[in-house]
Protein backbone atom coordinates (compact mmCIF):
# COMPACT_ATOMS: atom_id res chain seq x y z
CA MET A 1 -6.04 13.40 3.20
CA ILE A 2 -8.40 13.59 0.23
CA LEU A 3 -12.06 13.99 1.09
CA ALA A 4 -15.19 13.37 -0.95
CA GLY A 5 -15.37 15.76 -3.84
CA GLY A 6 -11.63 15.64 -4.40
CA HIS A 7 -10.76 18.22 -1.75
CA GLU A 8 -7.48 17.79 0.05
CA VAL A 9 -6.94 18.81 3.66
CA VAL A 10 -3.41 19.50 4.88
CA VAL A 11 -2.79 19.53 8.61
CA PRO A 12 0.65 20.57 9.91
CA LEU A 13 1.86 17.79 12.20
CA ALA A 14 5.10 19.27 13.51
CA GLY A 15 4.80 19.62 17.27
CA VAL A 16 1.71 17.41 17.34
CA ILE A 17 3.40 14.10 16.55
CA ASP A 18 6.95 12.83 16.53
CA VAL A 19 7.55 13.26 12.79
CA GLU A 20 10.66 11.07 12.70
CA LYS A 21 8.92 8.25 14.54
CA GLU A 22 5.85 8.46 12.29
CA CYS A 23 8.11 8.56 9.25
CA ARG A 24 9.85 5.35 10.36
CA ARG A 25 6.50 3.70 11.09
CA LEU A 26 5.17 4.56 7.64
CA GLN A 27 8.38 3.39 5.97
CA ASP A 28 8.21 0.09 7.87
CA GLU A 29 4.56 -0.36 6.94
CA LEU A 30 5.36 0.39 3.30
CA ALA A 31 8.27 -2.06 3.26
CA GLY A 32 6.09 -4.80 4.73
CA LEU A 33 3.32 -4.14 2.24
CA GLU A 34 5.78 -4.16 -0.65
CA LYS A 35 7.11 -7.54 0.51
CA GLN A 36 3.60 -8.99 0.72
CA LEU A 37 2.67 -7.47 -2.61
CA GLY A 38 5.75 -8.99 -4.22
CA GLY A 39 4.75 -12.45 -2.97
CA LEU A 40 1.20 -11.98 -4.18
CA ARG A 41 2.40 -10.88 -7.61
CA GLN A 42 4.68 -13.92 -7.82
CA ARG A 43 1.72 -16.16 -7.02
CA LEU A 44 -0.36 -14.47 -9.72
CA ALA A 45 2.48 -14.91 -12.22
CA ASN A 46 2.74 -18.62 -11.41
CA GLU A 47 1.06 -20.58 -14.20
CA SER A 48 0.71 -23.61 -11.93
CA PHE A 49 -1.25 -21.59 -9.36
CA LEU A 50 -3.43 -20.05 -12.04
CA SER A 51 -4.24 -23.39 -13.65
CA ARG A 52 -4.91 -25.27 -10.40
CA ALA A 53 -6.72 -22.70 -8.26
CA LYS A 54 -10.45 -22.20 -8.48
CA PRO A 55 -11.38 -19.17 -10.61
CA GLU A 56 -12.93 -17.40 -7.60
CA VAL A 57 -9.68 -17.82 -5.65
CA VAL A 58 -7.65 -16.36 -8.52
CA GLU A 59 -10.09 -13.46 -8.83
CA ALA A 60 -9.93 -12.81 -5.07
CA GLU A 61 -6.12 -12.66 -5.31
CA ARG A 62 -6.37 -10.23 -8.22
CA VAL A 63 -8.72 -8.02 -6.24
CA LYS A 64 -6.31 -8.16 -3.30
CA GLU A 65 -3.43 -7.19 -5.62
CA ARG A 66 -5.34 -4.14 -6.86
CA GLU A 67 -6.28 -3.08 -3.32
CA TRP A 68 -2.74 -3.57 -2.01
CA SER A 69 -1.32 -1.65 -4.98
CA MET A 70 -3.59 1.30 -4.21
CA ARG A 71 -2.58 1.13 -0.55
CA GLN A 72 1.08 1.04 -1.60
CA GLU A 73 0.63 4.19 -3.69
CA GLN A 74 -1.12 5.93 -0.78
CA LEU A 75 1.59 4.96 1.71
CA ALA A 76 4.36 5.95 -0.69
CA GLY A 77 2.69 9.36 -1.07
CA ARG A 78 2.44 9.77 2.70
CA VAL A 79 6.11 8.81 3.09
CA ARG A 80 7.12 11.35 0.43
CA ALA A 81 5.00 14.06 2.01
CA LEU A 82 6.08 13.44 5.59
CA CYS A 83 9.63 12.22 5.17
CA GLY A 84 10.63 14.18 2.10
CA ALA A 85 11.77 11.01 0.37
């Protein structure tokens, strides 16, 4: 976890949580997010969508894509750290 000021806190979780179960949960969450992100990116690459949708709708989808991309990076980092993948 990264706190304000850029400090990172590492808490050993072995014995506190079921690491394998948490690893699977994170991997499932990441896979679901990647699927949703793929669909969103396809929509944003679709010229028909871009030309027909209201500009504020397109911008909202772009904001969502940026937020989901950041979340994907965070989850991927957690999976690597916890699962060693």
